[in-house]
Amino acid sequence: MAPIHRVTMFKIPNEADVQPMLDIYATLGKDAKKNGKPYILSCVAGAAHSDPRSQGYSLCAQTVFASLEDMKYYDEECEAHNALKAAAKGKIQPPPVTVYIGGDAPLVGA
């Protein structure tokens, strides 16, 4: 089964709220643990370039998981992800957009 590649985009109206979110993402990959071990294969995030194509999204994050089960754990049980959600509460509008690819659907490209 192919890994799960997940992209989440946030609209953060107050520019000062972007960096605290990036600070959490900077350590999320090692802080997120399942059964006492890191389980996120890759985690990168950055402030979006100011460009009409960004449509107001100011932060983008990509996380890679070994399985849908790991992504489900991230969404429902992960303490590190819960800390990220708590830090984002009231600072993002509307709710973030999240899409993912992989799993049973084969990935194409390099």
N, C-alpha and C. Protein backbone atom coordinates (compact mmCIF):
# COMPACT_ATOMS: atom_id res chain seq x y z
N MET A 1 0.84 -1.18 0.00
CA MET A 1 0.00 0.00 0.00
C MET A 1 0.89 1.25 0.00
N ALA A 2 0.51 2.24 -0.79
CA ALA A 2 1.28 3.48 -0.90
C ALA A 2 1.11 4.32 0.36
N PRO A 3 2.13 5.09 0.74
CA PRO A 3 1.96 5.99 1.89
C PRO A 3 0.86 7.01 1.62
N ILE A 4 0.37 7.60 2.68
CA ILE A 4 -0.66 8.63 2.59
C ILE A 4 0.02 10.00 2.62
N HIS A 5 -0.19 10.78 1.58
CA HIS A 5 0.32 12.15 1.50
C HIS A 5 -0.86 13.08 1.76
N ARG A 6 -0.75 13.89 2.79
CA ARG A 6 -1.85 14.75 3.23
C ARG A 6 -1.40 16.20 3.17
N VAL A 7 -2.23 17.04 2.58
CA VAL A 7 -1.95 18.48 2.50
C VAL A 7 -3.09 19.21 3.21
N THR A 8 -2.72 20.12 4.11
CA THR A 8 -3.70 20.93 4.83
C THR A 8 -3.35 22.39 4.62
N MET A 9 -4.36 23.18 4.26
CA MET A 9 -4.17 24.61 4.02
C MET A 9 -5.03 25.40 5.00
N PHE A 10 -4.41 26.44 5.55
CA PHE A 10 -5.06 27.27 6.55
C PHE A 10 -5.16 28.72 6.08
N LYS A 11 -6.28 29.35 6.37
CA LYS A 11 -6.42 30.80 6.23
C LYS A 11 -6.30 31.36 7.64
N ILE A 12 -5.24 32.12 7.86
CA ILE A 12 -4.99 32.71 9.17
C ILE A 12 -5.00 34.23 8.98
N PRO A 13 -6.12 34.88 9.34
CA PRO A 13 -6.26 36.31 9.06
C PRO A 13 -5.19 37.20 9.70
N ASN A 14 -4.78 36.89 10.92
CA ASN A 14 -3.78 37.69 11.62
C ASN A 14 -2.39 37.12 11.32
N GLU A 15 -1.59 37.87 10.59
CA GLU A 15 -0.26 37.41 10.19
C GLU A 15 0.61 36.99 11.38
N ALA A 16 0.41 37.62 12.52
CA ALA A 16 1.20 37.29 13.72
C ALA A 16 0.89 35.88 14.24
N ASP A 17 -0.23 35.30 13.84
CA ASP A 17 -0.61 33.96 14.29
C ASP A 17 0.01 32.85 13.44
N VAL A 18 0.65 33.20 12.32
CA VAL A 18 1.23 32.19 11.44
C VAL A 18 2.47 31.56 12.08
N GLN A 19 3.39 32.36 12.60
CA GLN A 19 4.64 31.82 13.14
C GLN A 19 4.43 30.85 14.30
N PRO A 20 3.55 31.14 15.26
CA PRO A 20 3.33 30.14 16.32
C PRO A 20 2.88 28.78 15.78
N MET A 21 2.08 28.78 14.73
CA MET A 21 1.66 27.52 14.11
C MET A 21 2.87 26.83 13.46
N LEU A 22 3.71 27.60 12.79
CA LEU A 22 4.90 27.02 12.17
C LEU A 22 5.85 26.45 13.23
N ASP A 23 5.92 27.11 14.38
CA ASP A 23 6.78 26.61 15.47
C ASP A 23 6.31 25.22 15.93
N ILE A 24 5.02 25.01 15.99
CA ILE A 24 4.50 23.70 16.39
C ILE A 24 4.79 22.67 15.30
N TYR A 25 4.56 23.05 14.05
CA TYR A 25 4.85 22.13 12.95
C TYR A 25 6.33 21.76 12.89
N ALA A 26 7.21 22.67 13.32
CA ALA A 26 8.65 22.41 13.26
C ALA A 26 9.05 21.17 14.06
N THR A 27 8.31 20.87 15.12
CA THR A 27 8.66 19.71 15.95
C THR A 27 7.59 18.62 15.93
N LEU A 28 6.53 18.81 15.18
CA LEU A 28 5.42 17.87 15.18
C LEU A 28 5.86 16.46 14.78
N GLY A 29 6.72 16.34 13.78
CA GLY A 29 7.14 15.03 13.31
C GLY A 29 7.80 14.18 14.39
N LYS A 30 8.56 14.82 15.28
CA LYS A 30 9.20 14.04 16.35
C LYS A 30 8.35 14.00 17.61
N ASP A 31 7.49 15.00 17.82
CA ASP A 31 6.64 15.03 19.01
C ASP A 31 5.46 14.07 18.91
N ALA A 32 4.98 13.84 17.70
CA ALA A 32 3.83 12.96 17.50
C ALA A 32 4.27 11.51 17.68
N LYS A 33 3.68 10.84 18.67
CA LYS A 33 4.08 9.46 18.98
C LYS A 33 2.85 8.55 19.00
N LYS A 34 3.08 7.34 18.55
CA LYS A 34 2.07 6.28 18.59
C LYS A 34 2.78 5.08 19.20
N ASN A 35 2.24 4.55 20.26
CA ASN A 35 2.90 3.46 20.99
C ASN A 35 4.32 3.85 21.41
N GLY A 36 4.50 5.13 21.77
CA GLY A 36 5.78 5.62 22.26
C GLY A 36 6.82 5.91 21.21
N LYS A 37 6.47 5.77 19.91
CA LYS A 37 7.44 5.98 18.83
C LYS A 37 6.90 6.98 17.82
N PRO A 38 7.79 7.80 17.23
CA PRO A 38 7.34 8.69 16.15
C PRO A 38 6.72 7.87 15.02
N TYR A 39 5.65 8.35 14.45
CA TYR A 39 4.97 7.59 13.39
C TYR A 39 4.72 8.40 12.12
N ILE A 40 4.96 9.69 12.16
CA ILE A 40 4.79 10.51 10.96
C ILE A 40 6.07 10.36 10.13
N LEU A 41 5.92 9.95 8.87
CA LEU A 41 7.08 9.72 8.01
C LEU A 41 7.75 11.02 7.60
N SER A 42 6.95 12.06 7.38
CA SER A 42 7.47 13.36 6.97
C SER A 42 6.46 14.43 7.34
N CYS A 43 6.96 15.59 7.74
CA CYS A 43 6.09 16.71 8.07
C CYS A 43 6.80 18.00 7.69
N VAL A 44 6.24 18.72 6.74
CA VAL A 44 6.79 20.02 6.35
C VAL A 44 5.65 21.03 6.33
N ALA A 45 5.98 22.26 6.67
CA ALA A 45 4.98 23.33 6.66
C ALA A 45 5.68 24.64 6.33
N GLY A 46 4.92 25.57 5.79
CA GLY A 46 5.49 26.87 5.50
C GLY A 46 4.41 27.89 5.25
N ALA A 47 4.82 29.15 5.39
CA ALA A 47 3.92 30.25 5.07
C ALA A 47 3.77 30.31 3.55
N ALA A 48 2.55 30.48 3.09
CA ALA A 48 2.30 30.56 1.65
C ALA A 48 2.77 31.91 1.11
N HIS A 49 3.25 31.88 -0.12
CA HIS A 49 3.62 33.13 -0.78
C HIS A 49 2.36 33.94 -1.04
N SER A 50 2.48 35.23 -0.92
CA SER A 50 1.36 36.11 -1.22
C SER A 50 1.19 36.15 -2.74
N ASP A 51 0.14 35.54 -3.21
CA ASP A 51 -0.07 35.36 -4.65
C ASP A 51 -1.57 35.15 -4.85
N PRO A 52 -2.15 35.69 -5.91
CA PRO A 52 -3.59 35.48 -6.13
C PRO A 52 -3.99 34.01 -6.16
N ARG A 53 -3.08 33.13 -6.59
CA ARG A 53 -3.41 31.71 -6.64
C ARG A 53 -3.56 31.11 -5.25
N SER A 54 -3.04 31.76 -4.22
CA SER A 54 -3.15 31.26 -2.84
C SER A 54 -4.57 31.40 -2.30
N GLN A 55 -5.37 32.25 -2.90
CA GLN A 55 -6.77 32.46 -2.53
C GLN A 55 -6.95 32.73 -1.04
N GLY A 56 -5.98 33.42 -0.45
CA GLY A 56 -6.10 33.79 0.96
C GLY A 56 -5.54 32.77 1.94
N TYR A 57 -5.11 31.60 1.46
CA TYR A 57 -4.50 30.61 2.35
C TYR A 57 -3.10 31.11 2.71
N SER A 58 -2.79 31.09 3.99
CA SER A 58 -1.53 31.68 4.44
C SER A 58 -0.54 30.66 5.00
N LEU A 59 -0.97 29.43 5.21
CA LEU A 59 -0.07 28.39 5.72
C LEU A 59 -0.46 27.06 5.07
N CYS A 60 0.55 26.31 4.67
CA CYS A 60 0.31 25.01 4.05
C CYS A 60 1.20 23.98 4.74
N ALA A 61 0.64 22.81 5.03
CA ALA A 61 1.41 21.75 5.68
C ALA A 61 1.20 20.44 4.91
N GLN A 62 2.29 19.68 4.80
CA GLN A 62 2.19 18.35 4.20
C GLN A 62 2.71 17.33 5.20
N THR A 63 1.90 16.33 5.48
CA THR A 63 2.32 15.23 6.35
C THR A 63 2.20 13.94 5.57
N VAL A 64 3.11 13.02 5.84
CA VAL A 64 3.09 11.72 5.17
C VAL A 64 3.00 10.64 6.24
N PHE A 65 2.05 9.73 6.04
CA PHE A 65 1.80 8.64 6.98
C PHE A 65 2.00 7.31 6.26
N ALA A 66 2.36 6.28 7.00
CA ALA A 66 2.55 4.95 6.41
C ALA A 66 1.22 4.32 6.02
N SER A 67 0.14 4.73 6.69
CA SER A 67 -1.16 4.08 6.44
C SER A 67 -2.31 5.02 6.79
N LEU A 68 -3.50 4.64 6.30
CA LEU A 68 -4.71 5.37 6.69
C LEU A 68 -4.95 5.25 8.19
N GLU A 69 -4.59 4.11 8.76
CA GLU A 69 -4.74 3.91 10.20
C GLU A 69 -3.92 4.94 10.97
N ASP A 70 -2.69 5.20 10.53
CA ASP A 70 -1.86 6.20 11.19
C ASP A 70 -2.47 7.60 11.05
N MET A 71 -3.02 7.91 9.88
CA MET A 71 -3.65 9.22 9.70
C MET A 71 -4.88 9.35 10.59
N LYS A 72 -5.64 8.27 10.72
CA LYS A 72 -6.82 8.29 11.60
C LYS A 72 -6.38 8.51 13.05
N TYR A 73 -5.32 7.85 13.47
CA TYR A 73 -4.78 8.05 14.82
C TYR A 73 -4.40 9.52 15.01
N TYR A 74 -3.74 10.11 14.01
CA TYR A 74 -3.34 11.51 14.05
C TYR A 74 -4.57 12.41 14.27
N ASP A 75 -5.62 12.15 13.53
CA ASP A 75 -6.83 12.97 13.63
C ASP A 75 -7.58 12.79 14.95
N GLU A 76 -7.59 11.59 15.48
CA GLU A 76 -8.47 11.30 16.60
C GLU A 76 -7.79 11.16 17.97
N GLU A 77 -6.51 10.78 18.01
CA GLU A 77 -5.89 10.47 19.29
C GLU A 77 -4.56 11.15 19.58
N CYS A 78 -3.88 11.61 18.58
CA CYS A 78 -2.51 12.12 18.75
C CYS A 78 -2.47 13.37 19.63
N GLU A 79 -1.71 13.29 20.72
CA GLU A 79 -1.59 14.43 21.64
C GLU A 79 -0.90 15.62 20.98
N ALA A 80 0.11 15.37 20.16
CA ALA A 80 0.81 16.47 19.48
C ALA A 80 -0.12 17.19 18.50
N HIS A 81 -0.95 16.43 17.79
CA HIS A 81 -1.91 17.04 16.87
C HIS A 81 -2.98 17.79 17.64
N ASN A 82 -3.39 17.25 18.79
CA ASN A 82 -4.37 17.96 19.62
C ASN A 82 -3.81 19.29 20.10
N ALA A 83 -2.51 19.35 20.41
CA ALA A 83 -1.88 20.61 20.81
C ALA A 83 -1.90 21.61 19.66
N LEU A 84 -1.66 21.12 18.45
CA LEU A 84 -1.71 21.99 17.27
C LEU A 84 -3.12 22.54 17.08
N LYS A 85 -4.11 21.68 17.19
CA LYS A 85 -5.50 22.11 17.03
C LYS A 85 -5.88 23.13 18.11
N ALA A 86 -5.41 22.93 19.32
CA ALA A 86 -5.70 23.88 20.40
C ALA A 86 -5.07 25.24 20.12
N ALA A 87 -3.84 25.22 19.61
CA ALA A 87 -3.15 26.48 19.28
C ALA A 87 -3.84 27.21 18.13
N ALA A 88 -4.45 26.47 17.23
CA ALA A 88 -5.10 27.07 16.06
C ALA A 88 -6.51 27.58 16.36
N LYS A 89 -7.08 27.08 17.43
CA LYS A 89 -8.48 27.42 17.75
C LYS A 89 -8.67 28.93 17.83
N GLY A 90 -9.65 29.41 17.07
CA GLY A 90 -9.97 30.83 17.05
C GLY A 90 -9.06 31.67 16.17
N LYS A 91 -8.05 31.06 15.57
CA LYS A 91 -7.09 31.82 14.74
C LYS A 91 -7.22 31.53 13.26
N ILE A 92 -7.94 30.47 12.91
CA ILE A 92 -8.09 30.13 11.50
C ILE A 92 -9.55 30.30 11.10
N GLN A 93 -9.75 30.81 9.88
CA GLN A 93 -11.10 31.02 9.37
C GLN A 93 -11.08 30.92 7.88
N PRO A 94 -11.90 30.14 7.28
CA PRO A 94 -12.78 29.12 7.82
C PRO A 94 -11.96 27.91 8.27
N PRO A 95 -12.62 26.77 8.58
CA PRO A 95 -11.84 25.58 8.93
C PRO A 95 -10.84 25.24 7.81
N PRO A 96 -9.73 24.59 8.15
CA PRO A 96 -8.74 24.28 7.13
C PRO A 96 -9.28 23.31 6.08
N VAL A 97 -8.63 23.33 4.93
CA VAL A 97 -8.94 22.39 3.85
C VAL A 97 -7.87 21.30 3.90
N THR A 98 -8.30 20.04 3.92
CA THR A 98 -7.38 18.92 3.96
C THR A 98 -7.73 17.93 2.86
N VAL A 99 -6.72 17.54 2.09
CA VAL A 99 -6.88 16.49 1.09
C VAL A 99 -5.74 15.50 1.27
N TYR A 100 -5.99 14.25 0.88
CA TYR A 100 -4.92 13.27 0.95
C TYR A 100 -5.01 12.32 -0.23
N ILE A 101 -3.85 11.76 -0.59
CA ILE A 101 -3.76 10.82 -1.68
C ILE A 101 -2.90 9.65 -1.22
N GLY A 102 -3.02 8.53 -1.94
CA GLY A 102 -2.23 7.35 -1.59
C GLY A 102 -3.11 6.26 -1.05
N GLY A 103 -2.53 5.40 -0.24
CA GLY A 103 -3.28 4.26 0.27
C GLY A 103 -3.46 3.23 -0.82
N ASP A 104 -4.74 2.80 -1.06
CA ASP A 104 -4.98 1.80 -2.10
C ASP A 104 -4.90 2.38 -3.50
N ALA A 105 -5.07 3.72 -3.61
CA ALA A 105 -4.97 4.37 -4.93
C ALA A 105 -3.49 4.61 -5.22
N PRO A 106 -2.98 4.05 -6.32
CA PRO A 106 -1.56 4.21 -6.61
C PRO A 106 -1.21 5.67 -6.89
N LEU A 107 0.00 6.03 -6.51
CA LEU A 107 0.52 7.37 -6.78
C LEU A 107 1.31 7.34 -8.07
N VAL A 108 1.31 8.44 -8.79
CA VAL A 108 2.09 8.53 -10.02
C VAL A 108 3.07 9.68 -9.89
N GLY A 109 4.12 9.64 -10.66
CA GLY A 109 5.10 10.73 -10.66
C GLY A 109 6.39 10.31 -10.01
N ALA A 110 7.31 11.26 -9.99
CA ALA A 110 8.65 11.00 -9.45
C ALA A 110 8.68 11.18 -7.97
